[in-house]
Structure formats: C-alpha cells, structure tokens
Amino acid sequence: MLRKLLSRSPTTVRILGGPFKGAKMFLNPANSKRKIFGLYEHVLNNWITKTIVGKNFVFDVGGNTGYDTYGFAHLLLKQKTPAPLVIAFEPESFPELQTPKIWKEYTDCRIEIVKKYVGKSSDGMVISLDDAYETYIYDKNSKGIIKIDIEGAEVEALAGAEELLNNPAHEWLIEIHGKELIPDVARFFVEHKRPFLIKELEPLPIIGRESRPVHTTWLVTI
C-alpha cells in the first residue's frame, strides 16, 4: 500500500475514509492523498453522507479525474438505489475519469460521461443543465444532487438551470471560486427561495489547510 501511495501515475486505489469510503478509483496517489484518506474538502463530508440518502441520480458538473463521479456512484449502489445514474460533464479526456466506467464494481450503475461544457444554453460543445435533465433523466420523479465545480463558470451553469432550480426534489453542491462570486451564485437560490449554507474550507489538525490558488467556498442547499 505504501508503494502505491507514492506512485506518480494513475493507479487503482480504494478510498480509505470519508463519505466515499470503499469506492474503487483510478487516481494519481501523489496528488490524491487527501482524497484517498477521505480528507479532501472535508467540510462537505457530513452534507454528502446525509444528502445522498433517497437520491436516484447525480450530475457531476466538472467531472475532472472522477473522484466525485465514482464516489457518488459507489454511494448510490451502496444504498441500493433503483436504477442509479451518475452523469459526469467533462470536456477533457482524463483517463482517471474514463477507466473505472467499465469496472465490474460499477456495472449496476448507469454512468454517462458527457464531453461538453455546461453553460447558459446548449450549442455545440455546450449543454445547459435543464437540457441535460431532459436528455438524460428518463424518470422525471427522480431526485438528484447537482454538483458544480467548474472554476469560475458557476454563474453561467446556473443561468441554464431555471427548471432544476425550481424543483425542490434536487439538492445542490457548488464550489465557488473567488469571494467576488459568492453573491452572484447565492442570488439564484435566494430568487428561487432555496435555503442554503456557505461553507468555508477549514484547516485540519496537524496537516493544516489545503493549498488553493483561489479563495474557495461551497454553497450547499439545506
């Protein structure tokens, strides 16, 4: 295990702690240690554990290397969700996101990787969240989590999610990049009368704070 944790190339790992504990992923351990030990963005751990209960699908907007994609798939399978579904929106071709999709651990979860950006409207390489919902969610009684982590384009994504924001069956987890964007992102939820919290990244004992080039907060619905 120690040799695997020192690897600088993507390799098969199991998540050892946090809400995604037990999930099998394909990650670069050298820069994923907090993820492997369940400490990455730890201020979200309790929210994820509680909010996933009873949900049928997850939109992972900004799938990146698949940590949330396969973490949420693992949770949906663990709670024996009927017809579980995870849609990852990621225009880049990360092997870490693509590789686990065919593993037997995930054969009972429908996982779609949409190689598009998410924005205000659908056009070529861009899809709106409302259009994505109409396209990929067959059962409109489904309840979901919409997670957004797209490094400053949060407002554009929310501008294309009018119908989803109006539906209280769905919960939201949005990473906000920069203090200046907090009011703009929060405005969507105020206007749609959706209660929410803003969570700050807190340092952990001994290992301290995650290094971030931009001030990062999270908006979560409650």
C-alpha atoms as a PDB file:
ATOM      1  CA  MET A   1       0.000   0.000   0.000  1.00  0.00           C
ATOM      2  CA  LEU A   2       2.832   2.415   0.848  1.00  0.00           C
ATOM      3  CA  ARG A   3       4.435   1.913  -2.575  1.00  0.00           C
ATOM      4  CA  LYS A   4       1.074   2.599  -4.220  1.00  0.00           C
ATOM      5  CA  LEU A   5       0.650   5.837  -2.245  1.00  0.00           C
ATOM      6  CA  LEU A   6       3.999   7.056  -3.552  1.00  0.00           C
ATOM      7  CA  SER A   7       3.111   6.414  -7.187  1.00  0.00           C
ATOM      8  CA  ARG A   8       3.024   9.436  -9.506  1.00  0.00           C
ATOM      9  CA  SER A   9       0.987   7.692 -12.205  1.00  0.00           C
ATOM     10  CA  PRO A  10      -2.735   6.848 -12.101  1.00  0.00           C
ATOM     11  CA  THR A  11      -3.305   3.522 -10.410  1.00  0.00           C
ATOM     12  CA  THR A  12      -6.192   1.575  -8.902  1.00  0.00           C
ATOM     13  CA  VAL A  13      -6.918   2.649  -5.312  1.00  0.00           C
ATOM     14  CA  ARG A  14      -9.605   2.227  -2.694  1.00  0.00           C
ATOM     15  CA  ILE A  15     -10.815   5.255  -0.780  1.00  0.00           C
ATOM     16  CA  LEU A  16      -9.978   4.652   2.883  1.00  0.00           C
ATOM     17  CA  GLY A  17     -12.132   7.224   4.656  1.00  0.00           C
ATOM     18  CA  GLY A  18     -14.824   9.856   4.338  1.00  0.00           C
ATOM     19  CA  PRO A  19     -18.230   9.527   2.658  1.00  0.00           C
ATOM     20  CA  PHE A  20     -16.792   7.654  -0.346  1.00  0.00           C
ATOM     21  CA  LYS A  21     -15.011   5.046   1.792  1.00  0.00           C
ATOM     22  CA  GLY A  22     -14.631   1.760  -0.085  1.00  0.00           C
ATOM     23  CA  ALA A  23     -15.033   3.251  -3.565  1.00  0.00           C
ATOM     24  CA  LYS A  24     -12.606   1.922  -6.172  1.00  0.00           C
ATOM     25  CA  MET A  25     -10.982   4.623  -8.293  1.00  0.00           C
ATOM     26  CA  PHE A  26      -8.171   5.260 -10.743  1.00  0.00           C
ATOM     27  CA  LEU A  27      -6.142   8.129  -9.289  1.00  0.00           C
ATOM     28  CA  ASN A  28      -2.632   9.540  -9.090  1.00  0.00           C
ATOM     29  CA  PRO A  29      -1.784   8.891  -5.414  1.00  0.00           C
ATOM     30  CA  ALA A  30       0.987  11.501  -5.324  1.00  0.00           C
ATOM     31  CA  ASN A  31      -1.578  14.311  -5.580  1.00  0.00           C
ATOM     32  CA  SER A  32      -4.653  12.483  -4.271  1.00  0.00           C
ATOM     33  CA  LYS A  33      -3.696  11.566  -0.704  1.00  0.00           C
ATOM     34  CA  ARG A  34      -6.390  13.713   0.892  1.00  0.00           C
ATOM     35  CA  LYS A  35      -8.942  12.078  -1.409  1.00  0.00           C
ATOM     36  CA  ILE A  36      -7.723   8.571  -0.586  1.00  0.00           C
ATOM     37  CA  PHE A  37      -7.952   9.219   3.155  1.00  0.00           C
ATOM     38  CA  GLY A  38     -11.339  10.961   2.896  1.00  0.00           C
ATOM     39  CA  LEU A  39      -9.997  14.364   3.934  1.00  0.00           C
ATOM     40  CA  TYR A  40     -10.387  16.235   0.652  1.00  0.00           C
ATOM     41  CA  GLU A  41     -12.845  19.125   1.019  1.00  0.00           C
ATOM     42  CA  HIS A  42     -13.721  17.556   4.367  1.00  0.00           C
ATOM     43  CA  VAL A  43     -16.217  20.314   5.233  1.00  0.00           C
ATOM     44  CA  LEU A  44     -18.599  18.614   2.778  1.00  0.00           C
ATOM     45  CA  ASN A  45     -18.376  15.097   4.216  1.00  0.00           C
ATOM     46  CA  ASN A  46     -21.416  15.267   6.506  1.00  0.00           C
ATOM     47  CA  TRP A  47     -23.541  17.004   3.877  1.00  0.00           C
ATOM     48  CA  ILE A  48     -22.729  14.357   1.267  1.00  0.00           C
ATOM     49  CA  THR A  49     -23.429  11.473   3.665  1.00  0.00           C
ATOM     50  CA  LYS A  50     -26.836  12.838   4.652  1.00  0.00           C
ATOM     51  CA  THR A  51     -27.969  14.275   1.337  1.00  0.00           C
ATOM     52  CA  ILE A  52     -27.317  11.242  -0.855  1.00  0.00           C
ATOM     53  CA  VAL A  53     -29.960   9.255   1.049  1.00  0.00           C
ATOM     54  CA  GLY A  54     -33.002   8.715  -1.162  1.00  0.00           C
ATOM     55  CA  LYS A  55     -31.418  10.227  -4.268  1.00  0.00           C
ATOM     56  CA  ASN A  56     -31.539   8.488  -7.655  1.00  0.00           C
ATOM     57  CA  PHE A  57     -29.029  10.440  -9.709  1.00  0.00           C
ATOM     58  CA  VAL A  58     -26.071  12.808  -9.550  1.00  0.00           C
ATOM     59  CA  PHE A  59     -24.931  15.411 -12.058  1.00  0.00           C
ATOM     60  CA  ASP A  60     -21.164  15.829 -11.636  1.00  0.00           C
ATOM     61  CA  VAL A  61     -20.516  19.086 -13.487  1.00  0.00           C
ATOM     62  CA  GLY A  62     -16.749  19.266 -13.852  1.00  0.00           C
ATOM     63  CA  GLY A  63     -16.009  15.564 -13.542  1.00  0.00           C
ATOM     64  CA  ASN A  64     -12.254  16.085 -13.800  1.00  0.00           C
ATOM     65  CA  THR A  65     -10.500  12.902 -12.610  1.00  0.00           C
ATOM     66  CA  GLY A  66     -13.655  11.182 -11.398  1.00  0.00           C
ATOM     67  CA  TYR A  67     -13.385  11.439  -7.615  1.00  0.00           C
ATOM     68  CA  ASP A  68     -16.970  12.630  -7.218  1.00  0.00           C
ATOM     69  CA  THR A  69     -18.247  10.664 -10.206  1.00  0.00           C
ATOM     70  CA  TYR A  70     -17.274   7.293  -8.795  1.00  0.00           C
ATOM     71  CA  GLY A  71     -17.653   8.325  -5.176  1.00  0.00           C
ATOM     72  CA  PHE A  72     -21.304   9.152  -5.739  1.00  0.00           C
ATOM     73  CA  ALA A  73     -21.809   6.048  -7.902  1.00  0.00           C
ATOM     74  CA  HIS A  74     -20.429   3.991  -5.019  1.00  0.00           C
ATOM     75  CA  LEU A  75     -22.867   5.608  -2.582  1.00  0.00           C
ATOM     76  CA  LEU A  76     -25.876   5.113  -4.849  1.00  0.00           C
ATOM     77  CA  LEU A  77     -25.001   1.432  -5.233  1.00  0.00           C
ATOM     78  CA  LYS A  78     -24.293   1.050  -1.529  1.00  0.00           C
ATOM     79  CA  GLN A  79     -27.784   2.276  -0.621  1.00  0.00           C
ATOM     80  CA  LYS A  80     -29.273   0.010  -3.313  1.00  0.00           C
ATOM     81  CA  THR A  81     -30.789   2.856  -5.301  1.00  0.00           C
ATOM     82  CA  PRO A  82     -33.093   1.575  -8.066  1.00  0.00           C
ATOM     83  CA  ALA A  83     -31.585   2.365 -11.484  1.00  0.00           C
ATOM     84  CA  PRO A  84     -28.783   4.597 -10.118  1.00  0.00           C
ATOM     85  CA  LEU A  85     -27.362   7.171 -12.509  1.00  0.00           C
ATOM     86  CA  VAL A  86     -24.318   9.464 -12.500  1.00  0.00           C
ATOM     87  CA  ILE A  87     -23.702  11.927 -15.335  1.00  0.00           C
ATOM     88  CA  ALA A  88     -20.217  13.463 -15.472  1.00  0.00           C
ATOM     89  CA  PHE A  89     -19.815  16.575 -17.593  1.00  0.00           C
ATOM     90  CA  GLU A  90     -16.156  16.914 -18.584  1.00  0.00           C
ATOM     91  CA  PRO A  91     -14.845  18.111 -21.967  1.00  0.00           C
ATOM     92  CA  GLU A  92     -11.290  16.914 -21.249  1.00  0.00           C
ATOM     93  CA  SER A  93     -10.302  13.257 -21.703  1.00  0.00           C
ATOM     94  CA  PHE A  94      -8.928  12.252 -18.315  1.00  0.00           C
ATOM     95  CA  PRO A  95      -8.019   8.535 -18.124  1.00  0.00           C
ATOM     96  CA  GLU A  96      -8.877   8.651 -14.413  1.00  0.00           C
ATOM     97  CA  LEU A  97     -12.456   9.533 -15.355  1.00  0.00           C
ATOM     98  CA  GLN A  98     -12.794   7.140 -18.267  1.00  0.00           C
ATOM     99  CA  THR A  99     -11.116   3.980 -16.908  1.00  0.00           C
ATOM    100  CA  PRO A 100     -13.372   2.884 -13.990  1.00  0.00           C
ATOM    101  CA  LYS A 101     -16.545   3.131 -16.075  1.00  0.00           C
ATOM    102  CA  ILE A 102     -16.157  -0.469 -17.291  1.00  0.00           C
ATOM    103  CA  TRP A 103     -15.173  -2.000 -13.951  1.00  0.00           C
ATOM    104  CA  LYS A 104     -17.498  -4.621 -12.526  1.00  0.00           C
ATOM    105  CA  GLU A 105     -17.960  -2.505  -9.380  1.00  0.00           C
ATOM    106  CA  TYR A 106     -19.965  -0.028 -11.452  1.00  0.00           C
ATOM    107  CA  THR A 107     -21.826  -2.246 -13.908  1.00  0.00           C
ATOM    108  CA  ASP A 108     -25.078  -1.821 -11.964  1.00  0.00           C
ATOM    109  CA  CYS A 109     -24.858   1.986 -12.124  1.00  0.00           C
ATOM    110  CA  ARG A 110     -25.534   3.859 -15.335  1.00  0.00           C
ATOM    111  CA  ILE A 111     -22.570   6.208 -15.742  1.00  0.00           C
ATOM    112  CA  GLU A 112     -22.517   8.671 -18.634  1.00  0.00           C
ATOM    113  CA  ILE A 113     -19.521  10.876 -19.473  1.00  0.00           C
ATOM    114  CA  VAL A 114     -20.654  13.909 -21.445  1.00  0.00           C
ATOM    115  CA  LYS A 115     -17.710  15.625 -23.149  1.00  0.00           C
ATOM    116  CA  LYS A 116     -19.253  19.077 -23.089  1.00  0.00           C
ATOM    117  CA  TYR A 117     -19.077  22.291 -21.125  1.00  0.00           C
ATOM    118  CA  VAL A 118     -22.129  23.296 -19.096  1.00  0.00           C
ATOM    119  CA  GLY A 119     -23.495  26.790 -19.706  1.00  0.00           C
ATOM    120  CA  LYS A 120     -26.497  29.051 -20.105  1.00  0.00           C
ATOM    121  CA  SER A 121     -27.716  27.424 -23.318  1.00  0.00           C
ATOM    122  CA  SER A 122     -26.978  24.394 -25.472  1.00  0.00           C
ATOM    123  CA  ASP A 123     -24.877  24.939 -28.576  1.00  0.00           C
ATOM    124  CA  GLY A 124     -22.293  22.534 -29.974  1.00  0.00           C
ATOM    125  CA  MET A 125     -19.806  21.851 -27.188  1.00  0.00           C
ATOM    126  CA  VAL A 126     -22.064  23.408 -24.530  1.00  0.00           C
ATOM    127  CA  ILE A 127     -25.143  21.977 -22.834  1.00  0.00           C
ATOM    128  CA  SER A 128     -27.445  23.608 -20.306  1.00  0.00           C
ATOM    129  CA  LEU A 129     -28.389  21.763 -17.146  1.00  0.00           C
ATOM    130  CA  ASP A 130     -32.086  21.959 -17.979  1.00  0.00           C
ATOM    131  CA  ASP A 131     -31.424  20.380 -21.394  1.00  0.00           C
ATOM    132  CA  ALA A 132     -29.222  17.744 -19.781  1.00  0.00           C
ATOM    133  CA  TYR A 133     -32.010  16.859 -17.385  1.00  0.00           C
ATOM    134  CA  GLU A 134     -34.470  16.456 -20.245  1.00  0.00           C
ATOM    135  CA  THR A 135     -31.977  14.351 -22.205  1.00  0.00           C
ATOM    136  CA  TYR A 136     -30.541  12.025 -19.581  1.00  0.00           C
ATOM    137  CA  ILE A 137     -33.140  11.695 -16.818  1.00  0.00           C
ATOM    138  CA  TYR A 138     -35.827   9.316 -18.038  1.00  0.00           C
ATOM    139  CA  ASP A 139     -37.840   9.220 -14.805  1.00  0.00           C
ATOM    140  CA  LYS A 140     -38.870  12.794 -14.034  1.00  0.00           C
ATOM    141  CA  ASN A 141     -39.834  11.735 -10.485  1.00  0.00           C
ATOM    142  CA  SER A 142     -36.167  11.093  -9.744  1.00  0.00           C
ATOM    143  CA  LYS A 143     -34.409  13.034  -7.004  1.00  0.00           C
ATOM    144  CA  GLY A 144     -30.859  14.180  -7.562  1.00  0.00           C
ATOM    145  CA  ILE A 145     -27.774  16.036  -6.454  1.00  0.00           C
ATOM    146  CA  ILE A 146     -26.275  18.595  -8.817  1.00  0.00           C
ATOM    147  CA  LYS A 147     -22.606  19.175  -8.041  1.00  0.00           C
ATOM    148  CA  ILE A 148     -20.811  22.004  -9.874  1.00  0.00           C
ATOM    149  CA  ASP A 149     -17.054  22.579  -9.866  1.00  0.00           C
ATOM    150  CA  ILE A 150     -16.077  24.478 -12.989  1.00  0.00           C
ATOM    151  CA  GLU A 151     -13.566  27.052 -11.791  1.00  0.00           C
ATOM    152  CA  GLY A 152     -15.382  30.341 -12.159  1.00  0.00           C
ATOM    153  CA  ALA A 153     -18.129  29.425 -14.633  1.00  0.00           C
ATOM    154  CA  GLU A 154     -20.672  28.661 -11.908  1.00  0.00           C
ATOM    155  CA  VAL A 155     -22.967  31.564 -12.801  1.00  0.00           C
ATOM    156  CA  GLU A 156     -23.126  30.508 -16.465  1.00  0.00           C
ATOM    157  CA  ALA A 157     -24.124  26.979 -15.450  1.00  0.00           C
ATOM    158  CA  LEU A 158     -26.824  28.195 -13.052  1.00  0.00           C
ATOM    159  CA  ALA A 159     -28.233  30.526 -15.698  1.00  0.00           C
ATOM    160  CA  GLY A 160     -29.164  27.427 -17.710  1.00  0.00           C
ATOM    161  CA  ALA A 161     -30.835  25.613 -14.813  1.00  0.00           C
ATOM    162  CA  GLU A 162     -34.103  27.503 -14.281  1.00  0.00           C
ATOM    163  CA  GLU A 163     -36.295  24.386 -14.218  1.00  0.00           C
ATOM    164  CA  LEU A 164     -33.947  22.419 -11.999  1.00  0.00           C
ATOM    165  CA  LEU A 165     -33.673  25.281  -9.517  1.00  0.00           C
ATOM    166  CA  ASN A 166     -37.462  25.401  -9.325  1.00  0.00           C
ATOM    167  CA  ASN A 167     -37.637  21.713  -8.352  1.00  0.00           C
ATOM    168  CA  PRO A 168     -37.110  21.190  -4.598  1.00  0.00           C
ATOM    169  CA  ALA A 169     -36.518  17.472  -5.158  1.00  0.00           C
ATOM    170  CA  HIS A 170     -32.939  18.238  -6.183  1.00  0.00           C
ATOM    171  CA  GLU A 171     -30.103  19.376  -3.930  1.00  0.00           C
ATOM    172  CA  TRP A 172     -27.113  21.477  -4.948  1.00  0.00           C
ATOM    173  CA  LEU A 173     -23.407  21.440  -4.154  1.00  0.00           C
ATOM    174  CA  ILE A 174     -21.473  24.263  -5.803  1.00  0.00           C
ATOM    175  CA  GLU A 175     -17.797  25.087  -5.454  1.00  0.00           C
ATOM    176  CA  ILE A 176     -17.429  28.872  -5.697  1.00  0.00           C
ATOM    177  CA  HIS A 177     -14.098  30.121  -6.998  1.00  0.00           C
ATOM    178  CA  GLY A 178     -13.398  33.553  -5.534  1.00  0.00           C
ATOM    179  CA  LYS A 179     -15.138  35.633  -2.870  1.00  0.00           C
ATOM    180  CA  GLU A 180     -16.479  38.003  -5.503  1.00  0.00           C
ATOM    181  CA  LEU A 181     -18.687  35.252  -6.988  1.00  0.00           C
ATOM    182  CA  ILE A 182     -20.463  34.343  -3.746  1.00  0.00           C
ATOM    183  CA  PRO A 183     -23.249  36.970  -4.113  1.00  0.00           C
ATOM    184  CA  ASP A 184     -23.824  36.101  -7.779  1.00  0.00           C
ATOM    185  CA  VAL A 185     -24.148  32.386  -7.064  1.00  0.00           C
ATOM    186  CA  ALA A 186     -26.238  32.895  -3.926  1.00  0.00           C
ATOM    187  CA  ARG A 187     -28.656  35.157  -5.810  1.00  0.00           C
ATOM    188  CA  PHE A 188     -30.008  32.207  -7.824  1.00  0.00           C
ATOM    189  CA  PHE A 189     -31.004  30.387  -4.642  1.00  0.00           C
ATOM    190  CA  VAL A 190     -32.439  33.467  -2.961  1.00  0.00           C
ATOM    191  CA  GLU A 191     -34.592  34.153  -6.039  1.00  0.00           C
ATOM    192  CA  HIS A 192     -35.795  30.536  -6.123  1.00  0.00           C
ATOM    193  CA  LYS A 193     -36.434  30.510  -2.360  1.00  0.00           C
ATOM    194  CA  ARG A 194     -33.979  27.668  -1.797  1.00  0.00           C
ATOM    195  CA  PRO A 195     -32.375  27.691   1.675  1.00  0.00           C
ATOM    196  CA  PHE A 196     -28.613  27.234   1.603  1.00  0.00           C
ATOM    197  CA  LEU A 197     -25.375  27.440   3.571  1.00  0.00           C
ATOM    198  CA  ILE A 198     -21.983  28.794   2.562  1.00  0.00           C
ATOM    199  CA  LYS A 199     -19.207  26.532   3.801  1.00  0.00           C
ATOM    200  CA  GLU A 200     -15.626  27.727   4.235  1.00  0.00           C
ATOM    201  CA  LEU A 201     -12.592  25.490   3.842  1.00  0.00           C
ATOM    202  CA  GLU A 202     -11.287  24.837   7.364  1.00  0.00           C
ATOM    203  CA  PRO A 203      -7.798  23.600   8.307  1.00  0.00           C
ATOM    204  CA  LEU A 204      -7.422  20.122   9.735  1.00  0.00           C
ATOM    205  CA  PRO A 205      -5.458  19.369  12.903  1.00  0.00           C
ATOM    206  CA  ILE A 206      -1.779  18.577  12.261  1.00  0.00           C
ATOM    207  CA  ILE A 207      -1.954  18.515   8.450  1.00  0.00           C
ATOM    208  CA  GLY A 208      -3.399  22.024   8.184  1.00  0.00           C
ATOM    209  CA  ARG A 209      -5.225  23.720   5.329  1.00  0.00           C
ATOM    210  CA  GLU A 210      -5.492  22.599   1.706  1.00  0.00           C
ATOM    211  CA  SER A 211      -3.454  24.826  -0.578  1.00  0.00           C
ATOM    212  CA  ARG A 212      -5.730  26.682  -3.011  1.00  0.00           C
ATOM    213  CA  PRO A 213      -4.659  29.355  -5.530  1.00  0.00           C
ATOM    214  CA  VAL A 214      -8.111  30.984  -5.278  1.00  0.00           C
ATOM    215  CA  HIS A 215     -10.315  31.523  -2.235  1.00  0.00           C
ATOM    216  CA  THR A 216     -12.804  28.651  -2.286  1.00  0.00           C
ATOM    217  CA  THR A 217     -16.193  28.265  -0.626  1.00  0.00           C
ATOM    218  CA  TRP A 218     -19.111  25.925  -1.193  1.00  0.00           C
ATOM    219  CA  LEU A 219     -22.815  26.581  -1.424  1.00  0.00           C
ATOM    220  CA  VAL A 220     -24.978  23.658  -0.339  1.00  0.00           C
ATOM    221  CA  THR A 221     -28.758  23.558  -0.213  1.00  0.00           C
ATOM    222  CA  ILE A 222     -30.467  22.511   3.008  1.00  0.00           C
END
